Amino acid sequence: MMAFLGWIVFGFVVGVIARFLMPGPHPMGFILTTLLGVAGSFLGGWLGTMLHGGPANIAEPSGWIGSIIGAALLLFAYGFMRKRA
């Protein structure tokens, strides 16, 4: 149960940081911000594994940076798809 709550908190923090770094308005609430951060963490981990060869640990700075980059990429794609619809 604590690991699940940890992922929620981690996802929210990563999502908030990604939203802060990306320009423009991002109308989404707590749940979408958290999902953005968690999905971005998985994307960042996958990209890190493809580029570096090994998974990053979220306790290390590279894990946080990869998660934020992944969340920013997802936020960019989300904004692009919203504009097209």
Protein backbone atom coordinates (compact mmCIF):
# COMPACT_ATOMS: atom_id res chain seq x y z
CA MET A 1 0.00 0.00 0.00
CA MET A 2 2.83 2.40 0.81
CA ALA A 3 4.45 1.76 -2.58
CA PHE A 4 1.18 2.66 -4.31
CA LEU A 5 0.92 5.90 -2.34
CA GLY A 6 4.56 6.62 -3.10
CA TRP A 7 3.89 6.30 -6.84
CA ILE A 8 0.92 8.65 -6.54
CA VAL A 9 2.98 11.29 -4.72
CA PHE A 10 5.95 10.83 -7.07
CA GLY A 11 3.68 11.05 -10.12
CA PHE A 12 2.02 14.21 -8.85
CA VAL A 13 5.35 15.92 -8.14
CA VAL A 14 6.77 14.94 -11.55
CA GLY A 15 3.56 16.05 -13.27
CA VAL A 16 3.60 19.43 -11.53
CA ILE A 17 7.25 20.00 -12.44
CA ALA A 18 6.60 19.06 -16.09
CA ARG A 19 3.58 21.40 -16.23
CA PHE A 20 5.69 24.20 -14.74
CA LEU A 21 8.47 23.70 -17.31
CA MET A 22 6.20 23.53 -20.37
CA PRO A 23 4.93 26.91 -21.61
CA GLY A 24 1.25 27.63 -22.05
CA PRO A 25 -1.88 26.77 -20.11
CA HIS A 26 -2.47 23.15 -19.16
CA PRO A 27 -6.04 22.79 -17.85
CA MET A 28 -5.89 19.55 -15.90
CA GLY A 29 -6.63 18.67 -12.32
CA PHE A 30 -4.95 16.55 -9.67
CA ILE A 31 -5.81 13.19 -11.24
CA LEU A 32 -4.60 14.02 -14.77
CA THR A 33 -1.44 15.65 -13.38
CA THR A 34 -0.72 12.51 -11.35
CA LEU A 35 -1.39 10.22 -14.32
CA LEU A 36 0.84 12.43 -16.46
CA GLY A 37 3.68 12.08 -13.95
CA VAL A 38 3.31 8.32 -13.55
CA ALA A 39 3.08 7.71 -17.31
CA GLY A 40 5.98 10.11 -17.87
CA SER A 41 8.00 8.16 -15.35
CA PHE A 42 7.42 4.94 -17.27
CA LEU A 43 8.23 6.66 -20.58
CA GLY A 44 11.37 8.26 -19.13
CA GLY A 45 12.47 4.92 -17.67
CA TRP A 46 11.92 3.20 -20.99
CA LEU A 47 13.86 5.89 -22.88
CA GLY A 48 16.64 5.74 -20.30
CA THR A 49 16.87 1.98 -20.71
CA MET A 50 17.02 2.31 -24.49
CA LEU A 51 19.69 5.04 -24.40
CA HIS A 52 21.74 4.02 -21.39
CA GLY A 53 21.23 0.28 -21.24
CA GLY A 54 20.02 0.01 -17.67
CA PRO A 55 16.98 1.13 -15.73
CA ALA A 56 17.23 4.30 -13.68
CA ASN A 57 16.32 4.38 -10.02
CA ILE A 58 13.90 7.11 -8.91
CA ALA A 59 16.11 7.67 -5.87
CA GLU A 60 18.84 8.93 -8.20
CA PRO A 61 18.78 12.30 -9.96
CA SER A 62 18.82 10.61 -13.37
CA GLY A 63 15.57 8.83 -12.49
CA TRP A 64 13.89 12.12 -11.60
CA ILE A 65 15.22 13.88 -14.70
CA GLY A 66 14.15 11.03 -16.97
CA SER A 67 10.70 11.01 -15.41
CA ILE A 68 10.31 14.76 -15.87
CA ILE A 69 11.48 14.56 -19.49
CA GLY A 70 9.05 11.72 -20.16
CA ALA A 71 6.19 13.68 -18.57
CA ALA A 72 7.10 16.79 -20.58
CA LEU A 73 7.05 14.75 -23.80
CA LEU A 74 3.63 13.36 -22.92
CA LEU A 75 2.37 16.83 -22.03
CA PHE A 76 3.59 18.13 -25.39
CA ALA A 77 1.81 15.28 -27.19
CA TYR A 78 -1.35 15.87 -25.13
CA GLY A 79 -1.34 19.58 -26.04
CA PHE A 80 -0.71 18.78 -29.70
CA MET A 81 -3.61 16.32 -29.83
CA ARG A 82 -5.93 18.76 -28.02
CA LYS A 83 -5.22 21.47 -30.59
CA ARG A 84 -5.95 19.13 -33.47
CA ALA A 85 -9.29 17.98 -32.08
